[in-house]
Protein backbone atom coordinates (compact mmCIF):
# COMPACT_ATOMS: atom_id res chain seq x y z
CA MET A 1 -24.64 -10.59 45.04
CA HIS A 2 -22.91 -8.47 43.03
CA PRO A 3 -20.43 -10.34 40.31
CA THR A 4 -17.29 -9.50 41.18
CA ASN A 5 -18.33 -11.75 44.84
CA ASN A 6 -18.98 -14.25 43.42
CA LYS A 7 -16.85 -17.09 43.67
CA VAL A 8 -18.42 -19.58 40.73
CA GLY A 9 -18.41 -16.17 38.83
CA ASP A 10 -14.98 -15.42 39.27
CA LEU A 11 -13.49 -18.55 37.29
CA PHE A 12 -15.57 -17.71 34.72
CA LYS A 13 -13.30 -16.09 31.66
CA GLY A 14 -16.02 -15.26 29.65
CA ILE A 15 -18.48 -16.10 26.39
CA HIS A 16 -16.64 -18.84 24.19
CA HIS A 17 -19.84 -19.72 22.05
CA PHE A 18 -23.17 -20.40 21.89
CA GLY A 19 -24.48 -23.87 20.76
CA ILE A 20 -27.11 -24.69 18.90
CA ILE A 21 -28.21 -27.74 18.02
CA VAL A 22 -29.87 -27.47 13.68
CA SER A 23 -31.50 -30.04 11.91
CA ASN A 24 -30.68 -29.02 9.13
CA MET A 25 -27.63 -27.22 8.40
CA GLY A 26 -28.88 -25.52 4.79
CA ASN A 27 -31.28 -24.47 6.28
CA ALA A 28 -29.73 -22.38 9.53
CA LEU A 29 -26.62 -21.19 7.36
CA LYS A 30 -29.40 -19.23 5.02
CA LEU A 31 -30.96 -18.11 8.57
CA TYR A 32 -27.59 -16.85 10.45
CA ARG A 33 -24.77 -16.60 7.20
CA ASP A 34 -27.34 -15.39 4.50
CA THR A 35 -30.26 -13.28 6.49
CA LEU A 36 -28.06 -12.31 10.28
CA GLY A 37 -24.75 -11.47 8.55
CA PHE A 38 -22.64 -14.34 10.55
CA ALA A 39 -19.36 -15.30 8.96
CA VAL A 40 -18.59 -18.17 8.37
CA GLU A 41 -15.46 -19.32 10.56
CA ARG A 42 -15.43 -22.49 10.35
CA ASP A 43 -16.60 -25.40 8.78
CA THR A 44 -15.98 -29.64 8.99
CA GLY A 45 -18.19 -29.68 5.58
CA GLU A 46 -20.81 -32.00 4.59
CA GLU A 47 -18.37 -35.04 5.23
CA GLY A 48 -18.97 -33.65 8.97
CA LEU A 49 -15.80 -34.95 11.94
CA ASP A 50 -13.46 -37.82 11.47
CA SER A 51 -15.05 -40.72 13.73
CA HIS A 52 -13.03 -40.07 16.71
CA TYR A 53 -14.43 -36.31 17.12
CA VAL A 54 -17.90 -38.07 16.68
CA SER A 55 -17.32 -40.20 19.05
CA LEU A 56 -16.49 -37.46 21.31
CA VAL A 57 -18.38 -34.60 20.49
CA CYS A 58 -21.47 -37.61 21.25
CA LYS A 59 -19.90 -38.70 24.73
CA LEU A 60 -20.32 -35.19 25.47
CA THR A 61 -24.04 -33.86 24.81
CA GLY A 62 -25.37 -37.25 25.30
CA VAL A 63 -26.71 -37.95 21.55
CA ASN A 64 -25.51 -40.64 19.85
CA ALA A 65 -25.16 -40.09 15.79
CA GLN A 66 -23.90 -41.54 12.69
CA LYS A 67 -21.53 -38.51 11.91
CA VAL A 68 -21.78 -34.68 13.49
CA ARG A 69 -21.27 -31.35 11.00
CA ILE A 70 -20.56 -28.15 12.73
CA VAL A 71 -19.96 -24.93 11.48
CA TYR A 72 -18.88 -21.96 13.43
CA LEU A 73 -20.10 -18.90 12.78
CA GLN A 74 -19.01 -15.23 14.55
CA ARG A 75 -20.55 -11.61 14.14
CA TYR A 76 -19.26 -8.47 16.51
CA GLU A 77 -18.75 -9.97 19.21
CA VAL A 78 -20.76 -12.88 18.84
CA ARG A 79 -20.34 -17.02 18.09
CA ILE A 80 -22.23 -19.84 16.87
CA GLU A 81 -21.68 -22.97 16.96
CA LEU A 82 -24.20 -24.81 15.07
CA LEU A 83 -24.47 -28.02 15.05
CA GLN A 84 -25.93 -31.13 12.99
CA PHE A 85 -26.59 -34.19 14.31
CA ILE A 86 -27.07 -37.22 11.46
CA GLY A 87 -28.04 -40.88 11.58
CA ILE A 88 -28.81 -39.90 15.43
CA VAL A 89 -30.11 -42.94 17.69
CA GLU A 90 -32.55 -42.10 19.94
CA ASN A 91 -31.43 -40.04 23.02
CA LYS A 92 -32.51 -41.83 25.67
CA ARG A 93 -30.48 -40.15 28.38
CA ASP A 94 -32.86 -37.01 27.72
CA ARG A 95 -35.41 -36.21 25.26
CA ASN A 96 -36.37 -32.53 26.83
CA TYR A 97 -33.14 -31.47 25.17
CA GLN A 98 -33.65 -29.15 22.52
CA GLY A 99 -30.08 -28.23 21.83
CA CYS A 100 -28.89 -25.07 23.07
CA HIS A 101 -26.02 -24.30 25.65
CA ILE A 102 -23.62 -21.91 26.72
CA ALA A 103 -19.84 -22.72 26.17
CA THR A 104 -17.53 -20.60 28.86
CA ASN A 105 -14.12 -20.40 28.83
CA VAL A 106 -12.41 -20.70 32.66
CA LYS A 107 -9.22 -20.13 33.93
CA ASN A 108 -9.58 -22.94 36.45
CA PHE A 109 -11.19 -25.95 34.56
CA THR A 110 -11.14 -28.82 37.10
CA ALA A 111 -11.88 -26.02 40.57
CA ALA A 112 -15.04 -24.59 37.61
CA TYR A 113 -16.33 -27.85 37.66
CA GLU A 114 -16.61 -29.22 41.01
CA GLU A 115 -17.96 -25.87 42.33
CA LEU A 116 -20.82 -26.55 38.87
CA ARG A 117 -21.34 -29.86 40.26
CA ARG A 118 -21.45 -28.37 44.22
CA ILE A 119 -24.22 -26.23 43.45
CA GLY A 120 -26.04 -28.74 41.75
CA LEU A 121 -24.94 -29.32 38.03
CA ILE A 122 -25.50 -33.05 36.81
CA PRO A 123 -22.43 -33.52 34.24
CA ILE A 124 -23.68 -35.26 30.76
CA SER A 125 -19.97 -37.37 30.31
CA LYS A 126 -16.65 -37.34 32.60
CA PRO A 127 -14.73 -34.34 31.30
CA GLN A 128 -12.86 -34.99 28.06
CA THR A 129 -9.64 -33.92 26.00
CA ILE A 130 -9.83 -32.35 22.78
CA PRO A 131 -6.94 -34.31 21.28
CA SER A 132 -6.63 -31.80 17.84
CA GLY A 133 -7.17 -28.54 16.18
CA PRO A 134 -7.68 -25.23 17.32
CA ASN A 135 -8.15 -26.18 21.61
CA THR A 136 -6.17 -28.90 21.59
CA GLY A 137 -5.45 -29.57 25.43
CA LYS A 138 -8.65 -27.90 26.90
CA ARG A 139 -10.84 -29.98 28.67
CA VAL A 140 -13.94 -30.36 27.89
CA VAL A 141 -16.93 -31.30 30.02
CA TYR A 142 -21.18 -30.06 29.12
CA LEU A 143 -23.26 -30.23 32.32
CA LYS A 144 -27.31 -28.96 33.01
CA ASP A 145 -28.66 -27.33 35.41
CA GLU A 146 -32.26 -28.76 37.37
CA ASP A 147 -33.62 -27.27 34.19
CA GLY A 148 -31.85 -29.42 31.69
CA SER A 149 -30.06 -26.02 30.40
CA ARG A 150 -26.40 -26.72 28.64
CA ILE A 151 -23.11 -24.96 30.26
CA GLU A 152 -20.06 -25.98 28.31
CA LEU A 153 -16.57 -25.67 30.53
CA ILE A 154 -13.38 -24.90 28.36
CA GLY A 155 -10.15 -24.70 29.50
CA ARG A 156 -7.23 -26.41 31.03
């Protein structure tokens, strides 16, 4: 099927970022920033996200942690989100999750969410609304396919 005739494809505006869960942010920054030349766009710092955002990120990803540090990097037209979960409580929901996802911007959040569910993707949580920051007011949800690969929808 040609992409312009694809009902689901027409709901997407583009890739927002690629997300990677890392165990050591210092080592990840040495690779992505220092070696590959990605520039840090935003960093929550060693103190990580405030508790409200930790709860939101844990709910969306299905990973239960006490603290979350996020660093966004960009080079060329590619944005990478590095997530470090600190103080992880065992993730019983999905032990096979390797920590990568593709985040997409969507034209119509509800339509894209319902269509992906219709074709068999499974939501990790209910859609959430981002309360503050650069994506304030946008809705977000993670869904996974039959292989456990994850897609994050971001939109209104």
